[in-house]
Amino acid sequence: MRSSQTCSAPDPGQVYQPAEDSVLLLRAASREIRSTDRVLEVGTGSGFVLSGLSSCCCTVGTDINPHAARISGDRGLQMVRTD
């Protein structure tokens, strides 16, 4: 994540929070992914799905929202702020 594309004080209220669809996506992805796979999540939001997959394979997340990119990056996820 490039520092010029982040926000200094991320606002969690500006980030999509995990809901039922997030849990369903994580379950479905977990059934399909193998340990040798690489995962790119577009629209990572809070990082819920990506963090659930990061222990089983190589993951990278992207988000256009600077708050989401910063919060997910602060959770230890590899993130890229996109436009």
PDB file of N, CA and C in Angstrom:
ATOM      1  N   MET A   1       0.847  -1.164   0.000  1.00  0.00           N
ATOM      2  CA  MET A   1       0.000   0.000   0.000  1.00  0.00           C
ATOM      3  C   MET A   1       0.895   1.229   0.000  1.00  0.00           C
ATOM      4  N   ARG A   2       0.700   2.103  -0.948  1.00  0.00           N
ATOM      5  CA  ARG A   2       1.504   3.312  -1.029  1.00  0.00           C
ATOM      6  C   ARG A   2       0.962   4.360  -0.077  1.00  0.00           C
ATOM      7  N   SER A   3       1.850   5.026   0.633  1.00  0.00           N
ATOM      8  CA  SER A   3       1.425   5.989   1.642  1.00  0.00           C
ATOM      9  C   SER A   3       0.665   7.163   1.040  1.00  0.00           C
ATOM     10  N   SER A   4       0.933   7.518  -0.213  1.00  0.00           N
ATOM     11  CA  SER A   4       0.225   8.629  -0.838  1.00  0.00           C
ATOM     12  C   SER A   4      -1.234   8.298  -1.112  1.00  0.00           C
ATOM     13  N   GLN A   5      -1.591   7.030  -1.004  1.00  0.00           N
ATOM     14  CA  GLN A   5      -2.954   6.616  -1.300  1.00  0.00           C
ATOM     15  C   GLN A   5      -3.712   6.182  -0.053  1.00  0.00           C
ATOM     16  N   THR A   6      -3.200   6.425   1.103  1.00  0.00           N
ATOM     17  CA  THR A   6      -3.870   6.004   2.318  1.00  0.00           C
ATOM     18  C   THR A   6      -4.445   7.212   3.038  1.00  0.00           C
ATOM     19  N   CYS A   7      -5.258   6.946   4.023  1.00  0.00           N
ATOM     20  CA  CYS A   7      -5.781   8.028   4.840  1.00  0.00           C
ATOM     21  C   CYS A   7      -5.103   7.945   6.207  1.00  0.00           C
ATOM     22  N   SER A   8      -4.850   9.083   6.804  1.00  0.00           N
ATOM     23  CA  SER A   8      -4.109   9.095   8.061  1.00  0.00           C
ATOM     24  C   SER A   8      -4.943   8.603   9.233  1.00  0.00           C
ATOM     25  N   ALA A   9      -6.239   8.852   9.201  1.00  0.00           N
ATOM     26  CA  ALA A   9      -7.120   8.408  10.280  1.00  0.00           C
ATOM     27  C   ALA A   9      -8.328   7.704   9.672  1.00  0.00           C
ATOM     28  N   PRO A  10      -8.231   6.389   9.475  1.00  0.00           N
ATOM     29  CA  PRO A  10      -9.323   5.671   8.823  1.00  0.00           C
ATOM     30  C   PRO A  10     -10.607   5.698   9.661  1.00  0.00           C
ATOM     31  N   ASP A  11     -11.722   5.812   8.983  1.00  0.00           N
ATOM     32  CA  ASP A  11     -13.042   5.859   9.622  1.00  0.00           C
ATOM     33  C   ASP A  11     -13.759   4.538   9.345  1.00  0.00           C
ATOM     34  N   PRO A  12     -13.892   3.663  10.343  1.00  0.00           N
ATOM     35  CA  PRO A  12     -14.572   2.378  10.142  1.00  0.00           C
ATOM     36  C   PRO A  12     -16.004   2.529   9.630  1.00  0.00           C
ATOM     37  N   GLY A  13     -16.623   3.657   9.893  1.00  0.00           N
ATOM     38  CA  GLY A  13     -17.975   3.896   9.418  1.00  0.00           C
ATOM     39  C   GLY A  13     -18.055   4.042   7.906  1.00  0.00           C
ATOM     40  N   GLN A  14     -16.913   4.224   7.251  1.00  0.00           N
ATOM     41  CA  GLN A  14     -16.852   4.363   5.802  1.00  0.00           C
ATOM     42  C   GLN A  14     -16.534   3.049   5.095  1.00  0.00           C
ATOM     43  N   VAL A  15     -16.471   1.947   5.871  1.00  0.00           N
ATOM     44  CA  VAL A  15     -16.048   0.651   5.337  1.00  0.00           C
ATOM     45  C   VAL A  15     -17.186  -0.356   5.460  1.00  0.00           C
ATOM     46  N   TYR A  16     -17.409  -1.128   4.381  1.00  0.00           N
ATOM     47  CA  TYR A  16     -18.418  -2.187   4.410  1.00  0.00           C
ATOM     48  C   TYR A  16     -18.060  -3.191   5.497  1.00  0.00           C
ATOM     49  N   GLN A  17     -18.979  -3.422   6.395  1.00  0.00           N
ATOM     50  CA  GLN A  17     -18.745  -4.353   7.497  1.00  0.00           C
ATOM     51  C   GLN A  17     -19.283  -5.740   7.138  1.00  0.00           C
ATOM     52  N   PRO A  18     -18.665  -6.785   7.682  1.00  0.00           N
ATOM     53  CA  PRO A  18     -19.093  -8.148   7.370  1.00  0.00           C
ATOM     54  C   PRO A  18     -20.576  -8.353   7.684  1.00  0.00           C
ATOM     55  N   ALA A  19     -21.234  -9.038   6.770  1.00  0.00           N
ATOM     56  CA  ALA A  19     -22.647  -9.378   6.928  1.00  0.00           C
ATOM     57  C   ALA A  19     -22.823 -10.824   6.461  1.00  0.00           C
ATOM     58  N   GLU A  20     -24.054 -11.260   6.332  1.00  0.00           N
ATOM     59  CA  GLU A  20     -24.332 -12.639   5.949  1.00  0.00           C
ATOM     60  C   GLU A  20     -23.679 -13.000   4.615  1.00  0.00           C
ATOM     61  N   ASP A  21     -23.666 -12.071   3.678  1.00  0.00           N
ATOM     62  CA  ASP A  21     -23.046 -12.357   2.382  1.00  0.00           C
ATOM     63  C   ASP A  21     -21.546 -12.584   2.505  1.00  0.00           C
ATOM     64  N   SER A  22     -20.915 -11.915   3.456  1.00  0.00           N
ATOM     65  CA  SER A  22     -19.474 -12.087   3.685  1.00  0.00           C
ATOM     66  C   SER A  22     -19.178 -13.502   4.180  1.00  0.00           C
ATOM     67  N   VAL A  23     -20.009 -13.982   5.081  1.00  0.00           N
ATOM     68  CA  VAL A  23     -19.839 -15.337   5.625  1.00  0.00           C
ATOM     69  C   VAL A  23     -20.049 -16.371   4.518  1.00  0.00           C
ATOM     70  N   LEU A  24     -21.075 -16.170   3.688  1.00  0.00           N
ATOM     71  CA  LEU A  24     -21.336 -17.101   2.590  1.00  0.00           C
ATOM     72  C   LEU A  24     -20.180 -17.125   1.588  1.00  0.00           C
ATOM     73  N   LEU A  25     -19.636 -15.948   1.271  1.00  0.00           N
ATOM     74  CA  LEU A  25     -18.500 -15.881   0.347  1.00  0.00           C
ATOM     75  C   LEU A  25     -17.279 -16.585   0.923  1.00  0.00           C
ATOM     76  N   LEU A  26     -16.998 -16.371   2.201  1.00  0.00           N
ATOM     77  CA  LEU A  26     -15.855 -17.030   2.836  1.00  0.00           C
ATOM     78  C   LEU A  26     -16.011 -18.545   2.816  1.00  0.00           C
ATOM     79  N   ARG A  27     -17.199 -19.024   3.125  1.00  0.00           N
ATOM     80  CA  ARG A  27     -17.436 -20.480   3.103  1.00  0.00           C
ATOM     81  C   ARG A  27     -17.230 -21.055   1.707  1.00  0.00           C
ATOM     82  N   ALA A  28     -17.792 -20.392   0.713  1.00  0.00           N
ATOM     83  CA  ALA A  28     -17.670 -20.884  -0.668  1.00  0.00           C
ATOM     84  C   ALA A  28     -16.216 -20.855  -1.130  1.00  0.00           C
ATOM     85  N   ALA A  29     -15.526 -19.778  -0.860  1.00  0.00           N
ATOM     86  CA  ALA A  29     -14.124 -19.662  -1.273  1.00  0.00           C
ATOM     87  C   ALA A  29     -13.258 -20.692  -0.559  1.00  0.00           C
ATOM     88  N   SER A  30     -13.518 -20.907   0.704  1.00  0.00           N
ATOM     89  CA  SER A  30     -12.726 -21.872   1.488  1.00  0.00           C
ATOM     90  C   SER A  30     -12.827 -23.281   0.923  1.00  0.00           C
ATOM     91  N   ARG A  31     -13.977 -23.611   0.358  1.00  0.00           N
ATOM     92  CA  ARG A  31     -14.159 -24.947  -0.232  1.00  0.00           C
ATOM     93  C   ARG A  31     -13.377 -25.106  -1.537  1.00  0.00           C
ATOM     94  N   GLU A  32     -13.104 -24.023  -2.226  1.00  0.00           N
ATOM     95  CA  GLU A  32     -12.475 -24.077  -3.541  1.00  0.00           C
ATOM     96  C   GLU A  32     -10.961 -23.872  -3.533  1.00  0.00           C
ATOM     97  N   ILE A  33     -10.456 -23.171  -2.554  1.00  0.00           N
ATOM     98  CA  ILE A  33      -9.052 -22.755  -2.559  1.00  0.00           C
ATOM     99  C   ILE A  33      -8.142 -23.846  -2.007  1.00  0.00           C
ATOM    100  N   ARG A  34      -7.003 -24.015  -2.713  1.00  0.00           N
ATOM    101  CA  ARG A  34      -5.974 -24.954  -2.259  1.00  0.00           C
ATOM    102  C   ARG A  34      -4.788 -24.147  -1.720  1.00  0.00           C
ATOM    103  N   SER A  35      -3.930 -24.780  -0.971  1.00  0.00           N
ATOM    104  CA  SER A  35      -2.807 -24.087  -0.328  1.00  0.00           C
ATOM    105  C   SER A  35      -1.822 -23.502  -1.331  1.00  0.00           C
ATOM    106  N   THR A  36      -1.798 -24.012  -2.546  1.00  0.00           N
ATOM    107  CA  THR A  36      -0.879 -23.500  -3.565  1.00  0.00           C
ATOM    108  C   THR A  36      -1.478 -22.356  -4.381  1.00  0.00           C
ATOM    109  N   ASP A  37      -2.728 -22.025  -4.151  1.00  0.00           N
ATOM    110  CA  ASP A  37      -3.406 -20.961  -4.903  1.00  0.00           C
ATOM    111  C   ASP A  37      -2.972 -19.582  -4.442  1.00  0.00           C
ATOM    112  N   ARG A  38      -3.170 -18.625  -5.329  1.00  0.00           N
ATOM    113  CA  ARG A  38      -2.991 -17.208  -5.002  1.00  0.00           C
ATOM    114  C   ARG A  38      -4.343 -16.540  -5.180  1.00  0.00           C
ATOM    115  N   VAL A  39      -4.733 -15.722  -4.202  1.00  0.00           N
ATOM    116  CA  VAL A  39      -6.052 -15.097  -4.221  1.00  0.00           C
ATOM    117  C   VAL A  39      -5.905 -13.585  -4.278  1.00  0.00           C
ATOM    118  N   LEU A  40      -6.632 -12.973  -5.215  1.00  0.00           N
ATOM    119  CA  LEU A  40      -6.747 -11.528  -5.300  1.00  0.00           C
ATOM    120  C   LEU A  40      -8.210 -11.190  -5.027  1.00  0.00           C
ATOM    121  N   GLU A  41      -8.456 -10.479  -3.959  1.00  0.00           N
ATOM    122  CA  GLU A  41      -9.815 -10.062  -3.647  1.00  0.00           C
ATOM    123  C   GLU A  41      -9.988  -8.603  -4.050  1.00  0.00           C
ATOM    124  N   VAL A  42     -10.949  -8.347  -4.909  1.00  0.00           N
ATOM    125  CA  VAL A  42     -11.248  -6.993  -5.365  1.00  0.00           C
ATOM    126  C   VAL A  42     -12.424  -6.479  -4.549  1.00  0.00           C
ATOM    127  N   GLY A  43     -12.217  -5.359  -3.862  1.00  0.00           N
ATOM    128  CA  GLY A  43     -13.255  -4.825  -2.979  1.00  0.00           C
ATOM    129  C   GLY A  43     -13.204  -5.498  -1.621  1.00  0.00           C
ATOM    130  N   THR A  44     -12.061  -5.451  -0.999  1.00  0.00           N
ATOM    131  CA  THR A  44     -11.811  -6.171   0.254  1.00  0.00           C
ATOM    132  C   THR A  44     -12.631  -5.662   1.434  1.00  0.00           C
ATOM    133  N   GLY A  45     -12.970  -4.383   1.432  1.00  0.00           N
ATOM    134  CA  GLY A  45     -13.762  -3.842   2.540  1.00  0.00           C
ATOM    135  C   GLY A  45     -13.028  -3.975   3.863  1.00  0.00           C
ATOM    136  N   SER A  46     -13.683  -4.568   4.848  1.00  0.00           N
ATOM    137  CA  SER A  46     -13.106  -4.704   6.185  1.00  0.00           C
ATOM    138  C   SER A  46     -11.983  -5.735   6.249  1.00  0.00           C
ATOM    139  N   GLY A  47     -11.882  -6.585   5.233  1.00  0.00           N
ATOM    140  CA  GLY A  47     -10.857  -7.629   5.225  1.00  0.00           C
ATOM    141  C   GLY A  47     -11.329  -8.947   5.807  1.00  0.00           C
ATOM    142  N   PHE A  48     -12.605  -9.056   6.100  1.00  0.00           N
ATOM    143  CA  PHE A  48     -13.155 -10.266   6.724  1.00  0.00           C
ATOM    144  C   PHE A  48     -12.870 -11.517   5.897  1.00  0.00           C
ATOM    145  N   VAL A  49     -13.211 -11.493   4.619  1.00  0.00           N
ATOM    146  CA  VAL A  49     -13.035 -12.678   3.774  1.00  0.00           C
ATOM    147  C   VAL A  49     -11.554 -12.967   3.571  1.00  0.00           C
ATOM    148  N   LEU A  50     -10.800 -11.950   3.227  1.00  0.00           N
ATOM    149  CA  LEU A  50      -9.376 -12.145   2.961  1.00  0.00           C
ATOM    150  C   LEU A  50      -8.638 -12.670   4.188  1.00  0.00           C
ATOM    151  N   SER A  51      -8.972 -12.165   5.355  1.00  0.00           N
ATOM    152  CA  SER A  51      -8.292 -12.657   6.566  1.00  0.00           C
ATOM    153  C   SER A  51      -8.663 -14.109   6.843  1.00  0.00           C
ATOM    154  N   GLY A  52      -9.857 -14.503   6.471  1.00  0.00           N
ATOM    155  CA  GLY A  52     -10.266 -15.895   6.644  1.00  0.00           C
ATOM    156  C   GLY A  52      -9.547 -16.842   5.705  1.00  0.00           C
ATOM    157  N   LEU A  53      -9.045 -16.314   4.605  1.00  0.00           N
ATOM    158  CA  LEU A  53      -8.342 -17.145   3.622  1.00  0.00           C
ATOM    159  C   LEU A  53      -6.828 -17.062   3.746  1.00  0.00           C
ATOM    160  N   SER A  54      -6.316 -16.055   4.423  1.00  0.00           N
ATOM    161  CA  SER A  54      -4.874 -15.798   4.426  1.00  0.00           C
ATOM    162  C   SER A  54      -4.049 -16.900   5.081  1.00  0.00           C
ATOM    163  N   SER A  55      -4.649 -17.706   5.932  1.00  0.00           N
ATOM    164  CA  SER A  55      -3.883 -18.773   6.577  1.00  0.00           C
ATOM    165  C   SER A  55      -3.723 -19.993   5.669  1.00  0.00           C
ATOM    166  N   CYS A  56      -4.521 -20.074   4.597  1.00  0.00           N
ATOM    167  CA  CYS A  56      -4.455 -21.271   3.759  1.00  0.00           C
ATOM    168  C   CYS A  56      -3.802 -21.044   2.401  1.00  0.00           C
ATOM    169  N   CYS A  57      -3.526 -19.772   2.035  1.00  0.00           N
ATOM    170  CA  CYS A  57      -2.917 -19.514   0.734  1.00  0.00           C
ATOM    171  C   CYS A  57      -2.352 -18.096   0.700  1.00  0.00           C
ATOM    172  N   CYS A  58      -1.743 -17.730  -0.422  1.00  0.00           N
ATOM    173  CA  CYS A  58      -1.176 -16.395  -0.620  1.00  0.00           C
ATOM    174  C   CYS A  58      -2.300 -15.450  -1.026  1.00  0.00           C
ATOM    175  N   THR A  59      -2.466 -14.345  -0.301  1.00  0.00           N
ATOM    176  CA  THR A  59      -3.583 -13.443  -0.563  1.00  0.00           C
ATOM    177  C   THR A  59      -3.124 -11.997  -0.730  1.00  0.00           C
ATOM    178  N   VAL A  60      -3.852 -11.260  -1.575  1.00  0.00           N
ATOM    179  CA  VAL A  60      -3.680  -9.823  -1.756  1.00  0.00           C
ATOM    180  C   VAL A  60      -5.073  -9.238  -1.903  1.00  0.00           C
ATOM    181  N   GLY A  61      -5.311  -8.117  -1.261  1.00  0.00           N
ATOM    182  CA  GLY A  61      -6.597  -7.449  -1.371  1.00  0.00           C
ATOM    183  C   GLY A  61      -6.462  -6.094  -2.021  1.00  0.00           C
ATOM    184  N   THR A  62      -7.535  -5.645  -2.661  1.00  0.00           N
ATOM    185  CA  THR A  62      -7.579  -4.311  -3.238  1.00  0.00           C
ATOM    186  C   THR A  62      -8.878  -3.634  -2.835  1.00  0.00           C
ATOM    187  N   ASP A  63      -8.826  -2.323  -2.730  1.00  0.00           N
ATOM    188  CA  ASP A  63     -10.045  -1.558  -2.487  1.00  0.00           C
ATOM    189  C   ASP A  63      -9.823  -0.134  -2.957  1.00  0.00           C
ATOM    190  N   ILE A  64     -10.862   0.465  -3.508  1.00  0.00           N
ATOM    191  CA  ILE A  64     -10.803   1.855  -3.947  1.00  0.00           C
ATOM    192  C   ILE A  64     -10.970   2.807  -2.756  1.00  0.00           C
ATOM    193  N   ASN A  65     -11.600   2.309  -1.716  1.00  0.00           N
ATOM    194  CA  ASN A  65     -11.871   3.102  -0.518  1.00  0.00           C
ATOM    195  C   ASN A  65     -10.598   3.198   0.335  1.00  0.00           C
ATOM    196  N   PRO A  66     -10.049   4.400   0.522  1.00  0.00           N
ATOM    197  CA  PRO A  66      -8.817   4.520   1.304  1.00  0.00           C
ATOM    198  C   PRO A  66      -8.988   4.074   2.754  1.00  0.00           C
ATOM    199  N   HIS A  67     -10.178   4.225   3.306  1.00  0.00           N
ATOM    200  CA  HIS A  67     -10.425   3.782   4.681  1.00  0.00           C
ATOM    201  C   HIS A  67     -10.348   2.252   4.761  1.00  0.00           C
ATOM    202  N   ALA A  68     -10.961   1.580   3.795  1.00  0.00           N
ATOM    203  CA  ALA A  68     -10.928   0.113   3.769  1.00  0.00           C
ATOM    204  C   ALA A  68      -9.506  -0.395   3.561  1.00  0.00           C
ATOM    205  N   ALA A  69      -8.782   0.219   2.627  1.00  0.00           N
ATOM    206  CA  ALA A  69      -7.406  -0.211   2.369  1.00  0.00           C
ATOM    207  C   ALA A  69      -6.546  -0.058   3.619  1.00  0.00           C
ATOM    208  N   ARG A  70      -6.712   1.032   4.313  1.00  0.00           N
ATOM    209  CA  ARG A  70      -5.910   1.283   5.518  1.00  0.00           C
ATOM    210  C   ARG A  70      -6.288   0.326   6.653  1.00  0.00           C
ATOM    211  N   ILE A  71      -7.583   0.159   6.892  1.00  0.00           N
ATOM    212  CA  ILE A  71      -8.034  -0.722   7.979  1.00  0.00           C
ATOM    213  C   ILE A  71      -7.607  -2.163   7.720  1.00  0.00           C
ATOM    214  N   SER A  72      -7.791  -2.642   6.495  1.00  0.00           N
ATOM    215  CA  SER A  72      -7.385  -4.013   6.172  1.00  0.00           C
ATOM    216  C   SER A  72      -5.874  -4.178   6.249  1.00  0.00           C
ATOM    217  N   GLY A  73      -5.140  -3.174   5.775  1.00  0.00           N
ATOM    218  CA  GLY A  73      -3.680  -3.212   5.881  1.00  0.00           C
ATOM    219  C   GLY A  73      -3.218  -3.216   7.328  1.00  0.00           C
ATOM    220  N   ASP A  74      -3.899  -2.435   8.164  1.00  0.00           N
ATOM    221  CA  ASP A  74      -3.555  -2.404   9.590  1.00  0.00           C
ATOM    222  C   ASP A  74      -3.835  -3.742  10.272  1.00  0.00           C
ATOM    223  N   ARG A  75      -4.711  -4.543   9.679  1.00  0.00           N
ATOM    224  CA  ARG A  75      -5.004  -5.886  10.213  1.00  0.00           C
ATOM    225  C   ARG A  75      -3.944  -6.893   9.788  1.00  0.00           C
ATOM    226  N   GLY A  76      -2.951  -6.427   9.031  1.00  0.00           N
ATOM    227  CA  GLY A  76      -1.862  -7.309   8.608  1.00  0.00           C
ATOM    228  C   GLY A  76      -2.071  -7.940   7.251  1.00  0.00           C
ATOM    229  N   LEU A  77      -3.107  -7.510   6.529  1.00  0.00           N
ATOM    230  CA  LEU A  77      -3.346  -8.046   5.207  1.00  0.00           C
ATOM    231  C   LEU A  77      -2.535  -7.289   4.168  1.00  0.00           C
ATOM    232  N   GLN A  78      -2.095  -7.971   3.143  1.00  0.00           N
ATOM    233  CA  GLN A  78      -1.373  -7.309   2.052  1.00  0.00           C
ATOM    234  C   GLN A  78      -2.423  -6.621   1.190  1.00  0.00           C
ATOM    235  N   MET A  79      -2.366  -5.287   1.118  1.00  0.00           N
ATOM    236  CA  MET A  79      -3.387  -4.490   0.447  1.00  0.00           C
ATOM    237  C   MET A  79      -2.792  -3.554  -0.587  1.00  0.00           C
ATOM    238  N   VAL A  80      -3.585  -3.264  -1.614  1.00  0.00           N
ATOM    239  CA  VAL A  80      -3.250  -2.265  -2.618  1.00  0.00           C
ATOM    240  C   VAL A  80      -4.460  -1.340  -2.736  1.00  0.00           C
ATOM    241  N   ARG A  81      -4.237  -0.054  -2.578  1.00  0.00           N
ATOM    242  CA  ARG A  81      -5.303   0.940  -2.754  1.00  0.00           C
ATOM    243  C   ARG A  81      -5.425   1.190  -4.256  1.00  0.00           C
ATOM    244  N   THR A  82      -6.565   0.890  -4.828  1.00  0.00           N
ATOM    245  CA  THR A  82      -6.770   1.030  -6.267  1.00  0.00           C
ATOM    246  C   THR A  82      -7.596   2.263  -6.577  1.00  0.00           C
ATOM    247  N   ASP A  83      -7.682   2.583  -7.847  1.00  0.00           N
ATOM    248  CA  ASP A  83      -8.551   3.682  -8.264  1.00  0.00           C
ATOM    249  C   ASP A  83      -9.378   3.284  -9.462  1.00  0.00           C
TER     250      ASP A  83
END
